[in-house]
């Protein structure tokens, strides 16, 4: 009888691709992958440790699984991912519920860990994050029509608030030929939407080709795998938005006119304390060039409130910028004080309630902007990637090209036929519901 292995993946899509590589090793070793934790003999908890709330979520997941060890057939808990890297010793000493811990560089040992904990033994392995393997077979855990393509790992930006370099090490790119080969495999599996990710996607290739080469990579993917419907870019930094990258996005039909461009702030004093590369003028110039050369592009960004030293004047500048720029997509979060980062020692800490109220004001402004942008779509026909059926609204739902999986708004629509998940349908927009759109599918559709 094979060992039944379940999994929980927390955190970002980059972490998810790590899990998918591990699951392929598990599958190739002859273990059975199960979706329900109650059926599992061994559970993998792929953790996140980016901010305090992510760590708390990871610990809660581990403690919840301990109940299954005590009351059901679960024999072991294996902890992997960013928390395993950042807090390896603490997990060993302070979480006796955990039976195995693998740091990022040791995730290739997942099968050995599973065997050990199944037999009632402990297993702990730690090494540098740079030893993380980014190549190999994957068991894709996203819906079959969409997948993430990780092109690099680690980060060299050294933002003063961010623990990612401490956890995942320095920036390192994969070779173009390896990335393209994986893209071919994903397309062969039926993937229609390719989501390109890294901690800093726009820095791709600088370490191995001598300069940022995301534009070159996109051209190679589109040339070698021309039948992806959508190729989507995440986590591009304003200081690396080159004219050649903009030209590639504009000219390649498979690349959707959407970009994830985290800016974090716009006040020059705050950006300097954050150690962001480039001041307000770099952010403003990147946005201007994107919108001038790619009319209709959807820019998604994130901003932070409550960073140490952020004054009321700094915040007012950020709020005014958000209102003026009118981002198509925007998320806001409160600064999280992370040990080991330079900002952990900064003075001028902003009270939590003040930071939260500032975040709320940002999101209130963004809600009004989204309402206006959505209202302009009423009466238009949008191409929608079908994601499923919503029994509450009794409508199908999906996303347009300017919405990313999991994080962006949906389109809910009625249809005279039953579309399949992964179909592309034409939907006439009729109403706005908060951030989402409501509409009706037209007869013509695209598989």
Protein backbone atom coordinates (compact mmCIF):
# COMPACT_ATOMS: atom_id res chain seq x y z
CA UNK A 1 0.00 0.00 0.00
CA UNK A 2 1.43 3.38 -1.01
CA UNK A 3 1.80 6.27 1.41
CA UNK A 4 -0.96 8.86 1.02
CA UNK A 5 0.42 12.40 0.94
CA UNK A 6 -1.64 15.58 1.30
CA UNK A 7 -0.52 19.17 1.12
CA UNK A 8 -1.31 22.72 2.16
CA UNK A 9 0.35 25.56 0.27
CA UNK A 10 0.44 29.04 1.77
CA UNK A 11 1.85 32.30 0.49
CA UNK A 12 2.73 33.46 -2.98
CA UNK A 13 2.73 31.71 -6.38
CA UNK A 14 6.53 31.37 -6.20
CA UNK A 15 6.07 29.22 -3.12
CA UNK A 16 3.40 27.27 -4.96
CA UNK A 17 5.79 26.35 -7.77
CA UNK A 18 8.19 24.97 -5.14
CA UNK A 19 5.39 22.74 -3.88
CA UNK A 20 4.54 21.58 -7.41
CA UNK A 21 8.14 20.45 -7.90
CA UNK A 22 7.96 18.52 -4.63
CA UNK A 23 4.65 16.94 -5.56
CA UNK A 24 6.16 15.67 -8.80
CA UNK A 25 8.93 13.97 -6.81
CA UNK A 26 6.28 12.51 -4.50
CA UNK A 27 4.26 11.26 -7.46
CA UNK A 28 7.29 9.83 -9.26
CA UNK A 29 8.27 7.97 -6.09
CA UNK A 30 4.97 6.07 -6.19
CA UNK A 31 3.25 7.82 -3.30
CA UNK A 32 -0.43 8.70 -3.66
CA UNK A 33 -1.31 12.40 -3.61
CA UNK A 34 -4.66 13.07 -1.89
CA UNK A 35 -6.61 16.31 -1.68
CA UNK A 36 -8.34 15.74 1.68
CA UNK A 37 -6.14 16.04 4.75
CA UNK A 38 -8.32 13.52 6.59
CA UNK A 39 -7.21 10.82 4.09
CA UNK A 40 -3.50 11.58 4.32
CA UNK A 41 -0.82 9.55 6.06
CA UNK A 42 1.61 12.44 5.78
CA UNK A 43 0.86 16.14 5.27
CA UNK A 44 3.20 18.70 3.69
CA UNK A 45 2.70 22.24 4.95
CA UNK A 46 4.41 24.60 2.51
CA UNK A 47 4.71 27.71 4.64
CA UNK A 48 5.04 31.47 4.15
CA UNK A 49 7.01 33.82 6.40
CA UNK A 50 6.89 37.13 4.55
CA UNK A 51 5.05 39.04 7.28
CA UNK A 52 3.73 38.32 10.76
CA UNK A 53 0.22 37.34 9.65
CA UNK A 54 1.66 34.83 7.17
CA UNK A 55 3.72 33.20 9.92
CA UNK A 56 0.68 33.02 12.15
CA UNK A 57 -1.34 31.37 9.37
CA UNK A 58 1.41 28.80 8.85
CA UNK A 59 1.60 27.94 12.55
CA UNK A 60 -2.18 27.68 12.78
CA UNK A 61 -2.24 25.23 9.86
CA UNK A 62 0.36 23.05 11.60
CA UNK A 63 -1.54 23.04 14.89
CA UNK A 64 -4.80 22.20 13.13
CA UNK A 65 -3.15 19.17 11.52
CA UNK A 66 -1.91 17.97 14.90
CA UNK A 67 -5.52 17.18 15.75
CA UNK A 68 -5.54 14.67 12.89
CA UNK A 69 -2.41 13.04 14.28
CA UNK A 70 -4.09 12.61 17.64
CA UNK A 71 -7.55 11.64 16.43
CA UNK A 72 -7.27 10.20 12.92
CA UNK A 73 -4.75 8.32 10.79
CA UNK A 74 -2.25 11.13 10.10
CA UNK A 75 1.24 9.92 10.97
CA UNK A 76 3.39 12.92 10.24
CA UNK A 77 3.67 16.63 9.40
CA UNK A 78 6.42 17.85 7.08
CA UNK A 79 7.10 21.61 7.07
CA UNK A 80 8.67 23.21 4.00
CA UNK A 81 8.75 26.66 2.42
CA UNK A 82 9.84 30.08 3.62
CA UNK A 83 9.11 29.62 7.32
CA UNK A 84 11.13 26.40 7.29
CA UNK A 85 14.04 28.39 5.85
CA UNK A 86 13.76 31.44 8.09
CA UNK A 87 12.89 29.71 11.37
CA UNK A 88 14.38 26.24 10.95
CA UNK A 89 15.81 25.97 14.48
CA UNK A 90 12.76 27.53 16.12
CA UNK A 91 10.41 25.05 14.45
CA UNK A 92 12.57 22.15 15.61
CA UNK A 93 12.67 23.34 19.21
CA UNK A 94 9.29 25.02 19.68
CA UNK A 95 6.85 23.02 17.55
CA UNK A 96 6.99 19.38 18.68
CA UNK A 97 3.93 18.73 16.51
CA UNK A 98 6.24 18.90 13.47
CA UNK A 99 7.95 15.68 12.41
CA UNK A 100 10.15 16.95 9.59
CA UNK A 101 11.51 20.31 8.45
CA UNK A 102 13.10 20.94 5.08
CA UNK A 103 14.64 24.32 4.28
CA UNK A 104 14.29 25.61 0.72
CA UNK A 105 17.60 24.17 -0.39
CA UNK A 106 16.66 20.72 0.88
CA UNK A 107 13.21 20.35 -0.65
CA UNK A 108 14.67 17.75 -3.02
CA UNK A 109 14.73 15.44 0.01
CA UNK A 110 10.94 15.47 0.37
CA UNK A 111 10.52 11.75 -0.35
CA UNK A 112 13.10 10.75 2.25
CA UNK A 113 11.35 12.96 4.79
CA UNK A 114 7.96 11.40 4.02
CA UNK A 115 9.31 7.87 4.45
CA UNK A 116 10.96 8.74 7.75
CA UNK A 117 7.92 10.37 9.36
CA UNK A 118 5.64 7.60 8.08
CA UNK A 119 7.85 5.18 10.00
CA UNK A 120 7.63 7.31 13.12
CA UNK A 121 11.02 9.03 12.84
CA UNK A 122 12.03 12.68 12.70
CA UNK A 123 13.79 14.29 9.73
CA UNK A 124 15.47 17.70 9.62
CA UNK A 125 17.55 19.09 6.76
CA UNK A 126 18.81 22.62 6.22
CA UNK A 127 21.05 24.37 3.69
CA UNK A 128 21.42 27.66 1.83
CA UNK A 129 18.38 28.89 -0.14
CA UNK A 130 20.52 29.21 -3.26
CA UNK A 131 20.51 25.39 -3.45
CA UNK A 132 16.78 25.43 -4.18
CA UNK A 133 16.14 23.51 -7.39
CA UNK A 134 13.97 25.43 -9.86
CA UNK A 135 13.98 22.83 -12.65
CA UNK A 136 12.16 19.53 -13.04
CA UNK A 137 8.76 17.91 -13.38
CA UNK A 138 5.81 19.64 -11.75
CA UNK A 139 2.38 18.52 -10.61
CA UNK A 140 0.46 21.65 -11.52
CA UNK A 141 -1.91 22.54 -8.68
CA UNK A 142 -3.69 25.43 -10.38
CA UNK A 143 -6.77 24.92 -12.58
CA UNK A 144 -5.69 23.23 -15.83
CA UNK A 145 -6.12 26.34 -17.98
CA UNK A 146 -3.69 28.54 -16.00
CA UNK A 147 -0.21 28.03 -14.53
CA UNK A 148 2.69 29.95 -13.04
CA UNK A 149 6.07 30.01 -14.74
CA UNK A 150 8.87 30.91 -12.33
CA UNK A 151 11.79 32.48 -14.19
CA UNK A 152 14.05 33.41 -11.25
CA UNK A 153 14.30 33.25 -7.47
CA UNK A 154 15.77 35.38 -4.71
CA UNK A 155 16.19 39.14 -4.72
CA UNK A 156 19.00 41.72 -4.76
CA UNK A 157 16.87 44.83 -4.25
CA UNK A 158 17.31 44.86 -0.48
CA UNK A 159 14.28 46.96 0.37
CA UNK A 160 14.72 47.88 4.03
CA UNK A 161 11.41 46.35 5.14
CA UNK A 162 11.63 43.07 3.23
CA UNK A 163 12.79 39.68 4.55
CA UNK A 164 12.80 37.95 1.16
CA UNK A 165 16.59 38.24 0.60
CA UNK A 166 17.10 36.77 4.10
CA UNK A 167 14.83 33.86 3.23
CA UNK A 168 15.44 33.16 -0.45
CA UNK A 169 18.93 34.53 -0.97
CA UNK A 170 20.34 36.50 -3.87
CA UNK A 171 18.69 36.91 -7.25
CA UNK A 172 19.33 34.12 -9.74
CA UNK A 173 17.73 33.62 -13.14
CA UNK A 174 16.97 30.45 -15.02
CA UNK A 175 18.34 30.06 -18.54
CA UNK A 176 16.07 31.08 -21.39
CA UNK A 177 16.16 27.62 -22.96
CA UNK A 178 15.07 26.00 -19.67
CA UNK A 179 12.21 28.45 -19.18
CA UNK A 180 11.02 27.99 -22.76
CA UNK A 181 11.18 24.20 -22.39
CA UNK A 182 8.96 24.38 -19.32
CA UNK A 183 6.55 26.70 -21.12
CA UNK A 184 6.23 24.05 -23.86
CA UNK A 185 5.43 21.39 -21.29
CA UNK A 186 2.77 23.57 -19.68
CA UNK A 187 1.15 24.32 -23.03
CA UNK A 188 1.14 20.60 -23.76
CA UNK A 189 -0.82 20.09 -20.55
CA UNK A 190 -3.51 22.43 -21.85
CA UNK A 191 -2.46 25.63 -20.10
CA UNK A 192 -3.90 28.68 -21.87
CA UNK A 193 -2.81 31.43 -19.46
CA UNK A 194 0.86 31.61 -18.49
CA UNK A 195 1.64 33.76 -15.45
CA UNK A 196 5.30 34.78 -15.42
CA UNK A 197 6.68 35.24 -11.90
CA UNK A 198 9.82 35.96 -9.88
CA UNK A 199 10.52 38.14 -6.88
CA UNK A 200 11.64 40.80 -9.38
CA UNK A 201 10.55 39.64 -12.82
CA UNK A 202 11.90 42.76 -14.52
CA UNK A 203 15.45 41.92 -13.33
CA UNK A 204 15.37 38.62 -15.20
CA UNK A 205 18.61 37.74 -16.94
CA UNK A 206 20.75 40.50 -15.47
CA UNK A 207 22.87 37.97 -13.57
CA UNK A 208 23.47 35.57 -16.48
CA UNK A 209 23.11 37.77 -19.58
CA UNK A 210 24.60 41.01 -18.28
CA UNK A 211 21.41 43.07 -18.53
CA UNK A 212 17.67 42.75 -17.85
CA UNK A 213 16.36 40.36 -20.52
CA UNK A 214 12.67 39.86 -19.81
CA UNK A 215 11.84 41.28 -23.23
CA UNK A 216 14.11 38.71 -24.88
CA UNK A 217 12.55 35.89 -22.86
CA UNK A 218 9.02 36.94 -23.81
CA UNK A 219 9.93 37.00 -27.48
CA UNK A 220 11.42 33.51 -27.24
CA UNK A 221 8.37 32.09 -25.49
CA UNK A 222 6.03 33.65 -28.03
CA UNK A 223 8.15 32.37 -30.91
CA UNK A 224 8.59 28.84 -29.59
CA UNK A 225 5.12 28.45 -28.03
CA UNK A 226 2.90 30.72 -30.12
CA UNK A 227 -0.47 29.31 -29.05
CA UNK A 228 -0.73 30.57 -25.47
CA UNK A 229 -3.82 32.75 -25.28
CA UNK A 230 -2.57 34.96 -22.46
CA UNK A 231 0.90 35.58 -21.02
CA UNK A 232 0.78 37.72 -17.89
CA UNK A 233 3.58 39.57 -16.07
CA UNK A 234 3.87 39.87 -12.30
CA UNK A 235 6.19 41.80 -9.97
CA UNK A 236 7.94 44.21 -12.35
CA UNK A 237 9.79 47.07 -10.65
CA UNK A 238 9.50 50.67 -11.89
CA UNK A 239 13.26 51.23 -12.13
CA UNK A 240 13.61 48.31 -14.57
CA UNK A 241 10.76 49.16 -16.97
CA UNK A 242 12.93 49.56 -20.06
CA UNK A 243 11.68 50.83 -23.40
CA UNK A 244 12.50 47.43 -24.92
CA UNK A 245 10.31 45.68 -22.34
CA UNK A 246 7.45 48.08 -23.05
CA UNK A 247 7.87 47.48 -26.78
CA UNK A 248 7.73 43.72 -26.24
CA UNK A 249 4.51 43.95 -24.22
CA UNK A 250 3.00 46.24 -26.84
CA UNK A 251 3.99 44.16 -29.86
CA UNK A 252 3.50 40.56 -28.71
CA UNK A 253 -0.19 39.67 -29.06
CA UNK A 254 0.01 36.79 -26.55
CA UNK A 255 1.24 39.12 -23.79
CA UNK A 256 -1.81 40.67 -22.16
CA UNK A 257 -1.81 44.41 -21.63
CA UNK A 258 -1.51 44.04 -17.88
CA UNK A 259 1.44 44.52 -15.57
CA UNK A 260 1.96 44.08 -11.86
CA UNK A 261 4.06 47.10 -10.81
CA UNK A 262 4.47 47.37 -7.01
CA UNK A 263 5.42 50.94 -6.05
CA UNK A 264 4.89 50.81 -2.23
CA UNK A 265 4.89 54.62 -1.87
CA UNK A 266 5.44 57.89 -3.73
CA UNK A 267 6.87 60.19 -1.05
CA UNK A 268 10.58 60.67 -1.66
CA UNK A 269 11.61 60.54 2.04
CA UNK A 270 9.64 57.31 2.53
CA UNK A 271 11.05 55.71 -0.64
CA UNK A 272 14.58 56.56 0.52
CA UNK A 273 14.01 54.97 3.92
CA UNK A 274 12.52 51.95 2.16
CA UNK A 275 15.69 51.74 0.02
CA UNK A 276 13.56 51.57 -3.10
CA UNK A 277 15.57 51.94 -6.28
CA UNK A 278 14.60 55.23 -7.89
CA UNK A 279 12.54 58.05 -6.44
CA UNK A 280 9.08 59.36 -7.32
CA UNK A 281 10.23 60.52 -10.74
CA UNK A 282 11.16 56.93 -11.70
CA UNK A 283 7.73 55.64 -10.68
CA UNK A 284 5.91 58.43 -12.50
CA UNK A 285 8.03 58.02 -15.63
CA UNK A 286 7.49 54.24 -15.77
CA UNK A 287 3.72 54.65 -15.53
CA UNK A 288 3.72 57.43 -18.12
CA UNK A 289 5.71 55.40 -20.65
CA UNK A 290 3.60 52.29 -20.12
CA UNK A 291 0.35 54.16 -20.71
CA UNK A 292 1.66 56.19 -23.64
CA UNK A 293 3.07 53.19 -25.53
CA UNK A 294 0.43 50.62 -24.52
CA UNK A 295 -2.97 52.34 -24.61
CA UNK A 296 -5.47 50.61 -22.35
CA UNK A 297 -2.88 48.76 -20.28
CA UNK A 298 -4.08 47.71 -16.82
CA UNK A 299 -1.53 48.53 -14.15
CA UNK A 300 -1.80 46.72 -10.84
CA UNK A 301 0.15 48.06 -7.87
CA UNK A 302 0.53 47.72 -4.12
CA UNK A 303 1.18 50.48 -1.59
CA UNK A 304 2.20 50.37 2.05
CA UNK A 305 0.99 52.57 4.89
CA UNK A 306 2.56 53.09 8.29
CA UNK A 307 6.20 52.66 7.31
CA UNK A 308 8.47 54.07 10.05
CA UNK A 309 8.79 57.81 9.63
CA UNK A 310 5.73 58.17 7.39
CA UNK A 311 4.24 61.55 8.27
CA UNK A 312 0.77 62.84 7.60
CA UNK A 313 2.25 64.86 4.73
CA UNK A 314 3.85 61.73 3.25
CA UNK A 315 0.54 59.92 3.41
CA UNK A 316 -1.39 62.82 1.89
CA UNK A 317 1.06 62.76 -1.01
CA UNK A 318 0.48 59.04 -1.49
CA UNK A 319 -3.31 59.41 -1.34
CA UNK A 320 -3.26 62.27 -3.84
CA UNK A 321 -1.06 60.23 -6.16
CA UNK A 322 -3.42 57.25 -6.04
CA UNK A 323 -6.37 59.49 -6.85
CA UNK A 324 -4.54 61.23 -9.68
CA UNK A 325 -2.96 58.13 -11.26
CA UNK A 326 -6.13 56.03 -11.17
CA UNK A 327 -4.59 52.59 -11.12
CA UNK A 328 -6.75 49.92 -12.70
CA UNK A 329 -5.92 47.56 -9.83
CA UNK A 330 -4.54 48.46 -6.41
CA UNK A 331 -3.99 46.74 -3.08
CA UNK A 332 -2.83 48.34 0.16
CA UNK A 333 -1.34 46.83 3.29
CA UNK A 334 0.02 47.99 6.63
CA UNK A 335 3.76 47.83 7.30
CA UNK A 336 4.82 44.71 9.19
CA UNK A 337 7.91 45.01 11.39
CA UNK A 338 10.15 42.06 10.53
CA UNK A 339 13.16 41.02 12.59
CA UNK A 340 16.40 40.90 10.66
CA UNK A 341 15.46 43.70 8.29
CA UNK A 342 17.03 47.20 8.49
CA UNK A 343 13.62 48.81 9.03
CA UNK A 344 13.13 46.75 12.19
CA UNK A 345 15.48 49.17 13.95
CA UNK A 346 14.06 52.38 12.45
CA UNK A 347 12.63 55.03 14.70
CA UNK A 348 9.45 56.96 13.97
CA UNK A 349 7.12 53.97 14.30
CA UNK A 350 3.56 54.79 13.22
CA UNK A 351 0.75 53.65 15.57
CA UNK A 352 -1.04 50.61 14.21
CA UNK A 353 -4.46 52.27 14.26
CA UNK A 354 -3.10 55.24 12.31
CA UNK A 355 -1.55 52.95 9.70
CA UNK A 356 -4.76 50.96 9.38
CA UNK A 357 -6.87 54.10 8.96
CA UNK A 358 -4.51 55.32 6.26
CA UNK A 359 -4.84 51.98 4.48
CA UNK A 360 -8.63 52.25 4.68
CA UNK A 361 -8.54 55.73 3.15
CA UNK A 362 -6.41 54.45 0.27
CA UNK A 363 -8.86 51.63 -0.39
CA UNK A 364 -11.86 53.95 -0.15
CA UNK A 365 -10.30 56.14 -2.82
CA UNK A 366 -9.50 53.11 -4.96
CA UNK A 367 -13.06 51.83 -4.65
CA UNK A 368 -14.39 55.05 -6.15
CA UNK A 369 -11.83 54.84 -8.97
CA UNK A 370 -12.74 51.21 -9.67
CA UNK A 371 -16.43 52.10 -9.78
CA UNK A 372 -15.80 54.77 -12.40
CA UNK A 373 -13.53 52.55 -14.49
CA UNK A 374 -16.02 49.70 -14.33
CA UNK A 375 -18.97 51.94 -15.22
CA UNK A 376 -17.16 52.86 -18.44
CA UNK A 377 -17.27 49.18 -19.42
CA UNK A 378 -21.05 48.92 -19.33
CA UNK A 379 -22.26 48.16 -22.83
CA UNK A 380 -18.88 46.88 -24.00
CA UNK A 381 -18.12 43.29 -24.99
CA UNK A 382 -15.30 41.65 -23.05
CA UNK A 383 -13.45 38.38 -23.60
CA UNK A 384 -13.76 36.32 -20.42
CA UNK A 385 -11.81 33.24 -19.36
CA UNK A 386 -14.39 30.99 -17.70
CA UNK A 387 -13.43 29.81 -14.22
CA UNK A 388 -16.59 28.13 -12.99
CA UNK A 389 -20.18 28.31 -11.79
CA UNK A 390 -21.26 30.34 -8.77
CA UNK A 391 -24.29 28.70 -7.11
CA UNK A 392 -25.04 31.78 -4.99
CA UNK A 393 -25.50 34.22 -7.86
CA UNK A 394 -26.51 31.39 -10.22
CA UNK A 395 -24.10 32.72 -12.82
CA UNK A 396 -20.92 31.63 -14.50
CA UNK A 397 -17.83 33.61 -13.61
CA UNK A 398 -14.40 34.30 -14.99
CA UNK A 399 -11.82 36.98 -15.69
CA UNK A 400 -10.94 39.43 -18.40
CA UNK A 401 -7.37 39.95 -19.62
CA UNK A 402 -6.96 42.82 -17.15
CA UNK A 403 -7.57 40.57 -14.13
CA UNK A 404 -5.10 38.10 -12.66
CA UNK A 405 -5.98 34.79 -10.99
CA UNK A 406 -7.11 34.87 -7.35
CA UNK A 407 -6.36 38.55 -6.66
CA UNK A 408 -8.38 40.59 -9.17
CA UNK A 409 -12.13 41.13 -9.75
CA UNK A 410 -14.42 38.74 -11.62
CA UNK A 411 -17.04 38.93 -14.33
CA UNK A 412 -20.28 37.11 -13.48
CA UNK A 413 -22.48 36.26 -16.44
CA UNK A 414 -25.47 34.31 -17.66
CA UNK A 415 -25.19 32.07 -20.68
CA UNK A 416 -27.53 30.25 -23.01
CA UNK A 417 -25.22 27.27 -23.03
CA UNK A 418 -23.01 25.55 -20.49
CA UNK A 419 -19.42 26.78 -20.97
CA UNK A 420 -16.53 24.71 -19.71
CA UNK A 421 -13.84 25.93 -17.36
CA UNK A 422 -11.04 27.31 -19.49
CA UNK A 423 -13.31 28.41 -22.35
CA UNK A 424 -13.09 31.98 -23.61
CA UNK A 425 -16.50 33.60 -24.06
CA UNK A 426 -17.66 37.01 -25.24
CA UNK A 427 -19.66 38.76 -22.52
CA UNK A 428 -21.63 41.98 -22.88
CA UNK A 429 -21.24 43.97 -19.65
CA UNK A 430 -24.56 45.14 -18.20
CA UNK A 431 -23.94 46.11 -14.56
CA UNK A 432 -21.31 46.88 -11.94
CA UNK A 433 -21.32 45.11 -8.56
CA UNK A 434 -18.65 46.63 -6.30
CA UNK A 435 -15.36 45.68 -7.99
CA UNK A 436 -16.97 42.97 -10.13
CA UNK A 437 -18.91 43.12 -13.40
CA UNK A 438 -22.18 41.46 -14.42
CA UNK A 439 -23.11 40.55 -17.96
CA UNK A 440 -24.52 38.15 -20.51
CA UNK A 441 -22.58 35.80 -22.77
CA UNK A 442 -22.98 36.28 -26.51
CA UNK A 443 -23.41 33.35 -28.86
CA UNK A 444 -19.96 33.57 -30.42
CA UNK A 445 -17.29 32.15 -28.17
CA UNK A 446 -13.73 30.98 -28.36
CA UNK A 447 -12.52 27.70 -26.97
